[in-house]
């Protein structure tokens, strides 16, 4: 057998990041978009 190991749940990456930043009371917004996506950027990554 082959088994996918993940949570089986999906969210926008920026929402995870905002949750982390909220614990530090830092506004993450100004850092979003500062880096371009890579040439082969994976835009969807979720396990069934």
ModelCIF file with pLDDT and N, C-alpha, C, O atoms, coordinates in Angstrom:
data_MODEL
#
_entry.id   MODEL 
#
_entity.id                         1 
_entity.type                       polymer 
_entity.pdbx_number_of_molecules   1 
#
_entity_poly.entity_id                      1 
_entity_poly.type                           'polypeptide(L)' 
_entity_poly.nstd_linkage                   no 
_entity_poly.nstd_monomer                   no 
_entity_poly.pdbx_seq_one_letter_code       
;(UNK)(UNK)(UNK)(UNK)(UNK)(UNK)(UNK)(UNK)(UNK)(UNK)(UNK)(UNK)(UNK)(UNK)(UNK)(UNK)
(UNK)(UNK)(UNK)(UNK)(UNK)(UNK)(UNK)(UNK)(UNK)(UNK)(UNK)(UNK)(UNK)(UNK)(UNK)(UNK)
(UNK)(UNK)(UNK)(UNK)(UNK)(UNK)(UNK)(UNK)(UNK)(UNK)(UNK)(UNK)(UNK)(UNK)(UNK)(UNK)
;
_entity_poly.pdbx_seq_one_letter_code_can   XXXXXXXXXXXXXXXXXXXXXXXXXXXXXXXXXXXXXXXXXXXXXXXX 
_entity_poly.pdbx_strand_id                 A 
#
loop_
_entity_poly_seq.entity_id 
_entity_poly_seq.num 
_entity_poly_seq.mon_id 
_entity_poly_seq.hetero 
1 1  UNK n 
1 2  UNK n 
1 3  UNK n 
1 4  UNK n 
1 5  UNK n 
1 6  UNK n 
1 7  UNK n 
1 8  UNK n 
1 9  UNK n 
1 10 UNK n 
1 11 UNK n 
1 12 UNK n 
1 13 UNK n 
1 14 UNK n 
1 15 UNK n 
1 16 UNK n 
1 17 UNK n 
1 18 UNK n 
1 19 UNK n 
1 20 UNK n 
1 21 UNK n 
1 22 UNK n 
1 23 UNK n 
1 24 UNK n 
1 25 UNK n 
1 26 UNK n 
1 27 UNK n 
1 28 UNK n 
1 29 UNK n 
1 30 UNK n 
1 31 UNK n 
1 32 UNK n 
1 33 UNK n 
1 34 UNK n 
1 35 UNK n 
1 36 UNK n 
1 37 UNK n 
1 38 UNK n 
1 39 UNK n 
1 40 UNK n 
1 41 UNK n 
1 42 UNK n 
1 43 UNK n 
1 44 UNK n 
1 45 UNK n 
1 46 UNK n 
1 47 UNK n 
1 48 UNK n 
#
_struct_asym.id          A 
_struct_asym.entity_id   1 
#
loop_
_ma_qa_metric.id 
_ma_qa_metric.mode 
_ma_qa_metric.name 
_ma_qa_metric.software_group_id 
_ma_qa_metric.type 
1 global pLDDT . pLDDT 
2 local  pLDDT . pLDDT 
#
_ma_qa_metric_global.metric_id      1 
_ma_qa_metric_global.metric_value   95.73 
_ma_qa_metric_global.model_id       1 
_ma_qa_metric_global.ordinal_id     1 
#
loop_
_ma_qa_metric_local.label_asym_id 
_ma_qa_metric_local.label_comp_id 
_ma_qa_metric_local.label_seq_id 
_ma_qa_metric_local.metric_id 
_ma_qa_metric_local.metric_value 
_ma_qa_metric_local.model_id 
_ma_qa_metric_local.ordinal_id 
A UNK 1  2 98.00 1 1  
A UNK 2  2 98.00 1 2  
A UNK 3  2 98.00 1 3  
A UNK 4  2 98.00 1 4  
A UNK 5  2 98.00 1 5  
A UNK 6  2 98.00 1 6  
A UNK 7  2 97.00 1 7  
A UNK 8  2 96.00 1 8  
A UNK 9  2 96.00 1 9  
A UNK 10 2 95.00 1 10 
A UNK 11 2 97.00 1 11 
A UNK 12 2 98.00 1 12 
A UNK 13 2 97.00 1 13 
A UNK 14 2 97.00 1 14 
A UNK 15 2 97.00 1 15 
A UNK 16 2 96.00 1 16 
A UNK 17 2 97.00 1 17 
A UNK 18 2 96.00 1 18 
A UNK 19 2 96.00 1 19 
A UNK 20 2 96.00 1 20 
A UNK 21 2 96.00 1 21 
A UNK 22 2 96.00 1 22 
A UNK 23 2 95.00 1 23 
A UNK 24 2 95.00 1 24 
A UNK 25 2 94.00 1 25 
A UNK 26 2 93.00 1 26 
A UNK 27 2 92.00 1 27 
A UNK 28 2 93.00 1 28 
A UNK 29 2 93.00 1 29 
A UNK 30 2 93.00 1 30 
A UNK 31 2 96.00 1 31 
A UNK 32 2 97.00 1 32 
A UNK 33 2 97.00 1 33 
A UNK 34 2 96.00 1 34 
A UNK 35 2 96.00 1 35 
A UNK 36 2 96.00 1 36 
A UNK 37 2 96.00 1 37 
A UNK 38 2 92.00 1 38 
A UNK 39 2 89.00 1 39 
A UNK 40 2 89.00 1 40 
A UNK 41 2 93.00 1 41 
A UNK 42 2 95.00 1 42 
A UNK 43 2 97.00 1 43 
A UNK 44 2 97.00 1 44 
A UNK 45 2 97.00 1 45 
A UNK 46 2 97.00 1 46 
A UNK 47 2 98.00 1 47 
A UNK 48 2 98.00 1 48 
#
loop_
_atom_site.group_PDB 
_atom_site.id 
_atom_site.type_symbol 
_atom_site.label_atom_id 
_atom_site.label_alt_id 
_atom_site.label_comp_id 
_atom_site.label_asym_id 
_atom_site.label_entity_id 
_atom_site.label_seq_id 
_atom_site.pdbx_PDB_ins_code 
_atom_site.Cartn_x 
_atom_site.Cartn_y 
_atom_site.Cartn_z 
_atom_site.occupancy 
_atom_site.B_iso_or_equiv 
_atom_site.pdbx_formal_charge 
_atom_site.auth_seq_id 
_atom_site.auth_comp_id 
_atom_site.auth_asym_id 
_atom_site.auth_atom_id 
_atom_site.pdbx_PDB_model_num 
ATOM 1   N N  . UNK A 1 1  ? 0.835  -1.203 0.000   1.00 98.00 ? 1  UNK A N  1 
ATOM 2   C CA . UNK A 1 1  ? 0.000  0.000  0.000   1.00 98.00 ? 1  UNK A CA 1 
ATOM 3   C C  . UNK A 1 1  ? 0.865  1.246  0.000   1.00 98.00 ? 1  UNK A C  1 
ATOM 4   O O  . UNK A 1 1  ? 2.016  1.238  0.437   1.00 98.00 ? 1  UNK A O  1 
ATOM 5   N N  . UNK A 1 2  ? 0.263  2.329  -0.511  1.00 98.00 ? 2  UNK A N  1 
ATOM 6   C CA . UNK A 1 2  ? 0.857  3.659  -0.425  1.00 98.00 ? 2  UNK A CA 1 
ATOM 7   C C  . UNK A 1 2  ? -0.113 4.541  0.348   1.00 98.00 ? 2  UNK A C  1 
ATOM 8   O O  . UNK A 1 2  ? -1.301 4.596  0.030   1.00 98.00 ? 2  UNK A O  1 
ATOM 9   N N  . UNK A 1 3  ? 0.396  5.233  1.366   1.00 98.00 ? 3  UNK A N  1 
ATOM 10  C CA . UNK A 1 3  ? -0.453 6.078  2.200   1.00 98.00 ? 3  UNK A CA 1 
ATOM 11  C C  . UNK A 1 3  ? 0.043  7.522  2.174   1.00 98.00 ? 3  UNK A C  1 
ATOM 12  O O  . UNK A 1 3  ? 1.233  7.784  2.352   1.00 98.00 ? 3  UNK A O  1 
ATOM 13  N N  . UNK A 1 4  ? -0.879 8.451  1.953   1.00 98.00 ? 4  UNK A N  1 
ATOM 14  C CA . UNK A 1 4  ? -0.568 9.875  2.057   1.00 98.00 ? 4  UNK A CA 1 
ATOM 15  C C  . UNK A 1 4  ? -0.669 10.288 3.522   1.00 98.00 ? 4  UNK A C  1 
ATOM 16  O O  . UNK A 1 4  ? -1.645 9.969  4.201   1.00 98.00 ? 4  UNK A O  1 
ATOM 17  N N  . UNK A 1 5  ? 0.342  10.996 3.998   1.00 98.00 ? 5  UNK A N  1 
ATOM 18  C CA . UNK A 1 5  ? 0.363  11.447 5.391   1.00 98.00 ? 5  UNK A CA 1 
ATOM 19  C C  . UNK A 1 5  ? 0.246  12.967 5.427   1.00 98.00 ? 5  UNK A C  1 
ATOM 20  O O  . UNK A 1 5  ? 1.197  13.680 5.105   1.00 98.00 ? 5  UNK A O  1 
ATOM 21  N N  . UNK A 1 6  ? -0.897 13.443 5.811   1.00 98.00 ? 6  UNK A N  1 
ATOM 22  C CA . UNK A 1 6  ? -1.178 14.858 5.965   1.00 98.00 ? 6  UNK A CA 1 
ATOM 23  C C  . UNK A 1 6  ? -2.332 15.007 6.935   1.00 98.00 ? 6  UNK A C  1 
ATOM 24  O O  . UNK A 1 6  ? -2.767 14.024 7.536   1.00 98.00 ? 6  UNK A O  1 
ATOM 25  N N  . UNK A 1 7  ? -2.833 16.214 7.096   1.00 97.00 ? 7  UNK A N  1 
ATOM 26  C CA . UNK A 1 7  ? -3.972 16.430 7.988   1.00 97.00 ? 7  UNK A CA 1 
ATOM 27  C C  . UNK A 1 7  ? -5.296 16.159 7.282   1.00 97.00 ? 7  UNK A C  1 
ATOM 28  O O  . UNK A 1 7  ? -6.316 15.899 7.922   1.00 97.00 ? 7  UNK A O  1 
ATOM 29  N N  . UNK A 1 8  ? -5.263 16.224 5.938   1.00 96.00 ? 8  UNK A N  1 
ATOM 30  C CA . UNK A 1 8  ? -6.503 16.098 5.186   1.00 96.00 ? 8  UNK A CA 1 
ATOM 31  C C  . UNK A 1 8  ? -7.326 17.369 5.206   1.00 96.00 ? 8  UNK A C  1 
ATOM 32  O O  . UNK A 1 8  ? -8.472 17.381 4.755   1.00 96.00 ? 8  UNK A O  1 
ATOM 33  N N  . UNK A 1 9  ? -6.737 18.456 5.735   1.00 96.00 ? 9  UNK A N  1 
ATOM 34  C CA . UNK A 1 9  ? -7.411 19.757 5.782   1.00 96.00 ? 9  UNK A CA 1 
ATOM 35  C C  . UNK A 1 9  ? -6.548 20.775 5.061   1.00 96.00 ? 9  UNK A C  1 
ATOM 36  O O  . UNK A 1 9  ? -5.328 20.624 5.009   1.00 96.00 ? 9  UNK A O  1 
ATOM 37  N N  . UNK A 1 10 ? -7.155 21.796 4.513   1.00 95.00 ? 10 UNK A N  1 
ATOM 38  C CA . UNK A 1 10 ? -6.403 22.759 3.733   1.00 95.00 ? 10 UNK A CA 1 
ATOM 39  C C  . UNK A 1 10 ? -6.825 24.190 4.039   1.00 95.00 ? 10 UNK A C  1 
ATOM 40  O O  . UNK A 1 10 ? -7.998 24.476 4.281   1.00 95.00 ? 10 UNK A O  1 
ATOM 41  N N  . UNK A 1 11 ? -5.828 25.089 4.022   1.00 97.00 ? 11 UNK A N  1 
ATOM 42  C CA . UNK A 1 11 ? -6.065 26.510 4.259   1.00 97.00 ? 11 UNK A CA 1 
ATOM 43  C C  . UNK A 1 11 ? -5.080 27.302 3.398   1.00 97.00 ? 11 UNK A C  1 
ATOM 44  O O  . UNK A 1 11 ? -4.098 26.756 2.895   1.00 97.00 ? 11 UNK A O  1 
ATOM 45  N N  . UNK A 1 12 ? -5.360 28.594 3.239   1.00 98.00 ? 12 UNK A N  1 
ATOM 46  C CA . UNK A 1 12 ? -4.396 29.453 2.578   1.00 98.00 ? 12 UNK A CA 1 
ATOM 47  C C  . UNK A 1 12 ? -3.135 29.553 3.432   1.00 98.00 ? 12 UNK A C  1 
ATOM 48  O O  . UNK A 1 12 ? -3.210 29.640 4.658   1.00 98.00 ? 12 UNK A O  1 
ATOM 49  N N  . UNK A 1 13 ? -1.993 29.539 2.783   1.00 97.00 ? 13 UNK A N  1 
ATOM 50  C CA . UNK A 1 13 ? -0.732 29.591 3.511   1.00 97.00 ? 13 UNK A CA 1 
ATOM 51  C C  . UNK A 1 13 ? -0.640 30.861 4.361   1.00 97.00 ? 13 UNK A C  1 
ATOM 52  O O  . UNK A 1 13 ? -0.109 30.827 5.471   1.00 97.00 ? 13 UNK A O  1 
ATOM 53  N N  . UNK A 1 14 ? -1.152 31.972 3.846   1.00 97.00 ? 14 UNK A N  1 
ATOM 54  C CA . UNK A 1 14 ? -1.071 33.224 4.602   1.00 97.00 ? 14 UNK A CA 1 
ATOM 55  C C  . UNK A 1 14 ? -1.906 33.174 5.882   1.00 97.00 ? 14 UNK A C  1 
ATOM 56  O O  . UNK A 1 14 ? -1.619 33.902 6.832   1.00 97.00 ? 14 UNK A O  1 
ATOM 57  N N  . UNK A 1 15 ? -2.933 32.326 5.918   1.00 97.00 ? 15 UNK A N  1 
ATOM 58  C CA . UNK A 1 15 ? -3.738 32.217 7.132   1.00 97.00 ? 15 UNK A CA 1 
ATOM 59  C C  . UNK A 1 15 ? -2.974 31.495 8.239   1.00 97.00 ? 15 UNK A C  1 
ATOM 60  O O  . UNK A 1 15 ? -3.075 31.865 9.408   1.00 97.00 ? 15 UNK A O  1 
ATOM 61  N N  . UNK A 1 16 ? -2.205 30.457 7.870   1.00 96.00 ? 16 UNK A N  1 
ATOM 62  C CA . UNK A 1 16 ? -1.328 29.823 8.869   1.00 96.00 ? 16 UNK A CA 1 
ATOM 63  C C  . UNK A 1 16 ? -0.344 30.857 9.422   1.00 96.00 ? 16 UNK A C  1 
ATOM 64  O O  . UNK A 1 16 ? -0.137 30.962 10.631  1.00 96.00 ? 16 UNK A O  1 
ATOM 65  N N  . UNK A 1 17 ? 0.251  31.610 8.507   1.00 97.00 ? 17 UNK A N  1 
ATOM 66  C CA . UNK A 1 17 ? 1.273  32.583 8.895   1.00 97.00 ? 17 UNK A CA 1 
ATOM 67  C C  . UNK A 1 17 ? 0.693  33.666 9.803   1.00 97.00 ? 17 UNK A C  1 
ATOM 68  O O  . UNK A 1 17 ? 1.330  34.077 10.772  1.00 97.00 ? 17 UNK A O  1 
ATOM 69  N N  . UNK A 1 18 ? -0.510 34.122 9.487   1.00 96.00 ? 18 UNK A N  1 
ATOM 70  C CA . UNK A 1 18 ? -1.153 35.137 10.324  1.00 96.00 ? 18 UNK A CA 1 
ATOM 71  C C  . UNK A 1 18 ? -1.448 34.595 11.717  1.00 96.00 ? 18 UNK A C  1 
ATOM 72  O O  . UNK A 1 18 ? -1.335 35.328 12.700  1.00 96.00 ? 18 UNK A O  1 
ATOM 73  N N  . UNK A 1 19 ? -1.823 33.329 11.815  1.00 96.00 ? 19 UNK A N  1 
ATOM 74  C CA . UNK A 1 19 ? -2.064 32.722 13.127  1.00 96.00 ? 19 UNK A CA 1 
ATOM 75  C C  . UNK A 1 19 ? -0.791 32.736 13.968  1.00 96.00 ? 19 UNK A C  1 
ATOM 76  O O  . UNK A 1 19 ? -0.824 33.051 15.158  1.00 96.00 ? 19 UNK A O  1 
ATOM 77  N N  . UNK A 1 20 ? 0.326  32.392 13.339  1.00 96.00 ? 20 UNK A N  1 
ATOM 78  C CA . UNK A 1 20 ? 1.598  32.404 14.067  1.00 96.00 ? 20 UNK A CA 1 
ATOM 79  C C  . UNK A 1 20 ? 1.944  33.827 14.498  1.00 96.00 ? 20 UNK A C  1 
ATOM 80  O O  . UNK A 1 20 ? 2.320  34.062 15.647  1.00 96.00 ? 20 UNK A O  1 
ATOM 81  N N  . UNK A 1 21 ? 1.815  34.775 13.566  1.00 96.00 ? 21 UNK A N  1 
ATOM 82  C CA . UNK A 1 21 ? 2.179  36.162 13.856  1.00 96.00 ? 21 UNK A CA 1 
ATOM 83  C C  . UNK A 1 21 ? 1.332  36.750 14.979  1.00 96.00 ? 21 UNK A C  1 
ATOM 84  O O  . UNK A 1 21 ? 1.806  37.593 15.741  1.00 96.00 ? 21 UNK A O  1 
ATOM 85  N N  . UNK A 1 22 ? 0.077  36.306 15.083  1.00 96.00 ? 22 UNK A N  1 
ATOM 86  C CA . UNK A 1 22 ? -0.812 36.840 16.120  1.00 96.00 ? 22 UNK A CA 1 
ATOM 87  C C  . UNK A 1 22 ? -0.296 36.508 17.520  1.00 96.00 ? 22 UNK A C  1 
ATOM 88  O O  . UNK A 1 22 ? -0.559 37.246 18.469  1.00 96.00 ? 22 UNK A O  1 
ATOM 89  N N  . UNK A 1 23 ? 0.438  35.397 17.650  1.00 95.00 ? 23 UNK A N  1 
ATOM 90  C CA . UNK A 1 23 ? 0.997  35.021 18.951  1.00 95.00 ? 23 UNK A CA 1 
ATOM 91  C C  . UNK A 1 23 ? 2.125  35.954 19.370  1.00 95.00 ? 23 UNK A C  1 
ATOM 92  O O  . UNK A 1 23 ? 2.457  36.052 20.551  1.00 95.00 ? 23 UNK A O  1 
ATOM 93  N N  . UNK A 1 24 ? 2.714  36.642 18.389  1.00 95.00 ? 24 UNK A N  1 
ATOM 94  C CA . UNK A 1 24 ? 3.799  37.585 18.665  1.00 95.00 ? 24 UNK A CA 1 
ATOM 95  C C  . UNK A 1 24 ? 3.299  39.032 18.633  1.00 95.00 ? 24 UNK A C  1 
ATOM 96  O O  . UNK A 1 24 ? 4.065  39.972 18.848  1.00 95.00 ? 24 UNK A O  1 
ATOM 97  N N  . UNK A 1 25 ? 1.998  39.192 18.362  1.00 94.00 ? 25 UNK A N  1 
ATOM 98  C CA . UNK A 1 25 ? 1.406  40.530 18.254  1.00 94.00 ? 25 UNK A CA 1 
ATOM 99  C C  . UNK A 1 25 ? 2.129  41.377 17.205  1.00 94.00 ? 25 UNK A C  1 
ATOM 100 O O  . UNK A 1 25 ? 2.381  42.564 17.412  1.00 94.00 ? 25 UNK A O  1 
ATOM 101 N N  . UNK A 1 26 ? 2.457  40.743 16.077  1.00 93.00 ? 26 UNK A N  1 
ATOM 102 C CA . UNK A 1 26 ? 3.131  41.430 14.979  1.00 93.00 ? 26 UNK A CA 1 
ATOM 103 C C  . UNK A 1 26 ? 2.241  41.355 13.738  1.00 93.00 ? 26 UNK A C  1 
ATOM 104 O O  . UNK A 1 26 ? 1.698  40.299 13.412  1.00 93.00 ? 26 UNK A O  1 
ATOM 105 N N  . UNK A 1 27 ? 2.102  42.488 13.055  1.00 92.00 ? 27 UNK A N  1 
ATOM 106 C CA . UNK A 1 27 ? 1.316  42.528 11.821  1.00 92.00 ? 27 UNK A CA 1 
ATOM 107 C C  . UNK A 1 27 ? 2.172  42.003 10.674  1.00 92.00 ? 27 UNK A C  1 
ATOM 108 O O  . UNK A 1 27 ? 3.194  42.593 10.322  1.00 92.00 ? 27 UNK A O  1 
ATOM 109 N N  . UNK A 1 28 ? 1.740  40.886 10.099  1.00 93.00 ? 28 UNK A N  1 
ATOM 110 C CA . UNK A 1 28 ? 2.520  40.217 9.076   1.00 93.00 ? 28 UNK A CA 1 
ATOM 111 C C  . UNK A 1 28 ? 2.284  40.786 7.679   1.00 93.00 ? 28 UNK A C  1 
ATOM 112 O O  . UNK A 1 28 ? 3.026  40.477 6.746   1.00 93.00 ? 28 UNK A O  1 
ATOM 113 N N  . UNK A 1 29 ? 1.251  41.617 7.535   1.00 93.00 ? 29 UNK A N  1 
ATOM 114 C CA . UNK A 1 29 ? 0.789  42.043 6.210   1.00 93.00 ? 29 UNK A CA 1 
ATOM 115 C C  . UNK A 1 29 ? 1.894  42.679 5.368   1.00 93.00 ? 29 UNK A C  1 
ATOM 116 O O  . UNK A 1 29 ? 1.985  42.420 4.168   1.00 93.00 ? 29 UNK A O  1 
ATOM 117 N N  . UNK A 1 30 ? 2.733  43.507 5.988   1.00 93.00 ? 30 UNK A N  1 
ATOM 118 C CA . UNK A 1 30 ? 3.734  44.218 5.192   1.00 93.00 ? 30 UNK A CA 1 
ATOM 119 C C  . UNK A 1 30 ? 4.792  43.279 4.611   1.00 93.00 ? 30 UNK A C  1 
ATOM 120 O O  . UNK A 1 30 ? 5.516  43.656 3.690   1.00 93.00 ? 30 UNK A O  1 
ATOM 121 N N  . UNK A 1 31 ? 4.884  42.058 5.146   1.00 96.00 ? 31 UNK A N  1 
ATOM 122 C CA . UNK A 1 31 ? 5.857  41.094 4.614   1.00 96.00 ? 31 UNK A CA 1 
ATOM 123 C C  . UNK A 1 31 ? 5.310  40.242 3.485   1.00 96.00 ? 31 UNK A C  1 
ATOM 124 O O  . UNK A 1 31 ? 6.071  39.647 2.722   1.00 96.00 ? 31 UNK A O  1 
ATOM 125 N N  . UNK A 1 32 ? 3.965  40.181 3.375   1.00 97.00 ? 32 UNK A N  1 
ATOM 126 C CA . UNK A 1 32 ? 3.347  39.364 2.336   1.00 97.00 ? 32 UNK A CA 1 
ATOM 127 C C  . UNK A 1 32 ? 3.522  40.012 0.964   1.00 97.00 ? 32 UNK A C  1 
ATOM 128 O O  . UNK A 1 32 ? 3.255  41.201 0.791   1.00 97.00 ? 32 UNK A O  1 
ATOM 129 N N  . UNK A 1 33 ? 3.971  39.225 0.000   1.00 97.00 ? 33 UNK A N  1 
ATOM 130 C CA . UNK A 1 33 ? 4.159  39.736 -1.351  1.00 97.00 ? 33 UNK A CA 1 
ATOM 131 C C  . UNK A 1 33 ? 5.532  40.329 -1.610  1.00 97.00 ? 33 UNK A C  1 
ATOM 132 O O  . UNK A 1 33 ? 5.799  40.810 -2.711  1.00 97.00 ? 33 UNK A O  1 
ATOM 133 N N  . UNK A 1 34 ? 6.405  40.302 -0.617  1.00 96.00 ? 34 UNK A N  1 
ATOM 134 C CA . UNK A 1 34 ? 7.746  40.854 -0.798  1.00 96.00 ? 34 UNK A CA 1 
ATOM 135 C C  . UNK A 1 34 ? 8.620  39.944 -1.663  1.00 96.00 ? 34 UNK A C  1 
ATOM 136 O O  . UNK A 1 34 ? 9.566  40.405 -2.302  1.00 96.00 ? 34 UNK A O  1 
ATOM 137 N N  . UNK A 1 35 ? 8.297  38.651 -1.678  1.00 96.00 ? 35 UNK A N  1 
ATOM 138 C CA . UNK A 1 35 ? 9.065  37.700 -2.492  1.00 96.00 ? 35 UNK A CA 1 
ATOM 139 C C  . UNK A 1 35 ? 8.186  37.204 -3.639  1.00 96.00 ? 35 UNK A C  1 
ATOM 140 O O  . UNK A 1 35 ? 6.998  36.956 -3.429  1.00 96.00 ? 35 UNK A O  1 
ATOM 141 N N  . UNK A 1 36 ? 8.734  37.054 -4.841  1.00 96.00 ? 36 UNK A N  1 
ATOM 142 C CA . UNK A 1 36 ? 7.950  36.512 -5.954  1.00 96.00 ? 36 UNK A CA 1 
ATOM 143 C C  . UNK A 1 36 ? 7.794  35.001 -5.810  1.00 96.00 ? 36 UNK A C  1 
ATOM 144 O O  . UNK A 1 36 ? 8.595  34.350 -5.138  1.00 96.00 ? 36 UNK A O  1 
ATOM 145 N N  . UNK A 1 37 ? 6.785  34.461 -6.427  1.00 96.00 ? 37 UNK A N  1 
ATOM 146 C CA . UNK A 1 37 ? 6.649  33.010 -6.487  1.00 96.00 ? 37 UNK A CA 1 
ATOM 147 C C  . UNK A 1 37 ? 7.782  32.439 -7.342  1.00 96.00 ? 37 UNK A C  1 
ATOM 148 O O  . UNK A 1 37 ? 8.250  33.089 -8.277  1.00 96.00 ? 37 UNK A O  1 
ATOM 149 N N  . UNK A 1 38 ? 8.210  31.240 -7.022  1.00 92.00 ? 38 UNK A N  1 
ATOM 150 C CA . UNK A 1 38 ? 9.263  30.604 -7.807  1.00 92.00 ? 38 UNK A CA 1 
ATOM 151 C C  . UNK A 1 38 ? 8.710  30.144 -9.156  1.00 92.00 ? 38 UNK A C  1 
ATOM 152 O O  . UNK A 1 38 ? 7.497  30.107 -9.365  1.00 92.00 ? 38 UNK A O  1 
ATOM 153 N N  . UNK A 1 39 ? 9.603  29.801 -10.050 1.00 89.00 ? 39 UNK A N  1 
ATOM 154 C CA . UNK A 1 39 ? 9.202  29.415 -11.407 1.00 89.00 ? 39 UNK A CA 1 
ATOM 155 C C  . UNK A 1 39 ? 8.273  28.209 -11.401 1.00 89.00 ? 39 UNK A C  1 
ATOM 156 O O  . UNK A 1 39 ? 7.307  28.164 -12.163 1.00 89.00 ? 39 UNK A O  1 
ATOM 157 N N  . UNK A 1 40 ? 8.558  27.241 -10.554 1.00 89.00 ? 40 UNK A N  1 
ATOM 158 C CA . UNK A 1 40 ? 7.736  26.035 -10.467 1.00 89.00 ? 40 UNK A CA 1 
ATOM 159 C C  . UNK A 1 40 ? 6.918  26.013 -9.177  1.00 89.00 ? 40 UNK A C  1 
ATOM 160 O O  . UNK A 1 40 ? 6.711  24.950 -8.593  1.00 89.00 ? 40 UNK A O  1 
ATOM 161 N N  . UNK A 1 41 ? 6.456  27.169 -8.736  1.00 93.00 ? 41 UNK A N  1 
ATOM 162 C CA . UNK A 1 41 ? 5.755  27.291 -7.464  1.00 93.00 ? 41 UNK A CA 1 
ATOM 163 C C  . UNK A 1 41 ? 4.566  26.330 -7.377  1.00 93.00 ? 41 UNK A C  1 
ATOM 164 O O  . UNK A 1 41 ? 3.705  26.307 -8.256  1.00 93.00 ? 41 UNK A O  1 
ATOM 165 N N  . UNK A 1 42 ? 4.536  25.544 -6.307  1.00 95.00 ? 42 UNK A N  1 
ATOM 166 C CA . UNK A 1 42 ? 3.379  24.698 -6.025  1.00 95.00 ? 42 UNK A CA 1 
ATOM 167 C C  . UNK A 1 42 ? 2.307  25.565 -5.367  1.00 95.00 ? 42 UNK A C  1 
ATOM 168 O O  . UNK A 1 42 ? 2.555  26.177 -4.328  1.00 95.00 ? 42 UNK A O  1 
ATOM 169 N N  . UNK A 1 43 ? 1.131  25.619 -5.961  1.00 97.00 ? 43 UNK A N  1 
ATOM 170 C CA . UNK A 1 43 ? 0.061  26.473 -5.441  1.00 97.00 ? 43 UNK A CA 1 
ATOM 171 C C  . UNK A 1 43 ? -1.006 25.686 -4.688  1.00 97.00 ? 43 UNK A C  1 
ATOM 172 O O  . UNK A 1 43 ? -1.857 26.271 -4.019  1.00 97.00 ? 43 UNK A O  1 
ATOM 173 N N  . UNK A 1 44 ? -0.960 24.351 -4.797  1.00 97.00 ? 44 UNK A N  1 
ATOM 174 C CA . UNK A 1 44 ? -1.944 23.524 -4.105  1.00 97.00 ? 44 UNK A CA 1 
ATOM 175 C C  . UNK A 1 44 ? -1.237 22.299 -3.556  1.00 97.00 ? 44 UNK A C  1 
ATOM 176 O O  . UNK A 1 44 ? -0.537 21.598 -4.286  1.00 97.00 ? 44 UNK A O  1 
ATOM 177 N N  . UNK A 1 45 ? -1.421 22.043 -2.268  1.00 97.00 ? 45 UNK A N  1 
ATOM 178 C CA . UNK A 1 45 ? -0.757 20.912 -1.637  1.00 97.00 ? 45 UNK A CA 1 
ATOM 179 C C  . UNK A 1 45 ? -1.625 20.397 -0.496  1.00 97.00 ? 45 UNK A C  1 
ATOM 180 O O  . UNK A 1 45 ? -1.597 20.929 0.614   1.00 97.00 ? 45 UNK A O  1 
ATOM 181 N N  . UNK A 1 46 ? -2.395 19.352 -0.787  1.00 97.00 ? 46 UNK A N  1 
ATOM 182 C CA . UNK A 1 46 ? -3.285 18.802 0.231   1.00 97.00 ? 46 UNK A CA 1 
ATOM 183 C C  . UNK A 1 46 ? -3.436 17.302 0.008   1.00 97.00 ? 46 UNK A C  1 
ATOM 184 O O  . UNK A 1 46 ? -3.435 16.828 -1.128  1.00 97.00 ? 46 UNK A O  1 
ATOM 185 N N  . UNK A 1 47 ? -3.566 16.564 1.104   1.00 98.00 ? 47 UNK A N  1 
ATOM 186 C CA . UNK A 1 47 ? -3.628 15.102 1.047   1.00 98.00 ? 47 UNK A CA 1 
ATOM 187 C C  . UNK A 1 47 ? -5.051 14.599 1.248   1.00 98.00 ? 47 UNK A C  1 
ATOM 188 O O  . UNK A 1 47 ? -5.810 15.128 2.060   1.00 98.00 ? 47 UNK A O  1 
ATOM 189 N N  . UNK A 1 48 ? -5.389 13.572 0.493   1.00 98.00 ? 48 UNK A N  1 
ATOM 190 C CA . UNK A 1 48 ? -6.607 12.803 0.738   1.00 98.00 ? 48 UNK A CA 1 
ATOM 191 C C  . UNK A 1 48 ? -6.184 11.602 1.593   1.00 98.00 ? 48 UNK A C  1 
ATOM 192 O O  . UNK A 1 48 ? -7.021 10.774 1.953   1.00 98.00 ? 48 UNK A O  1 
#
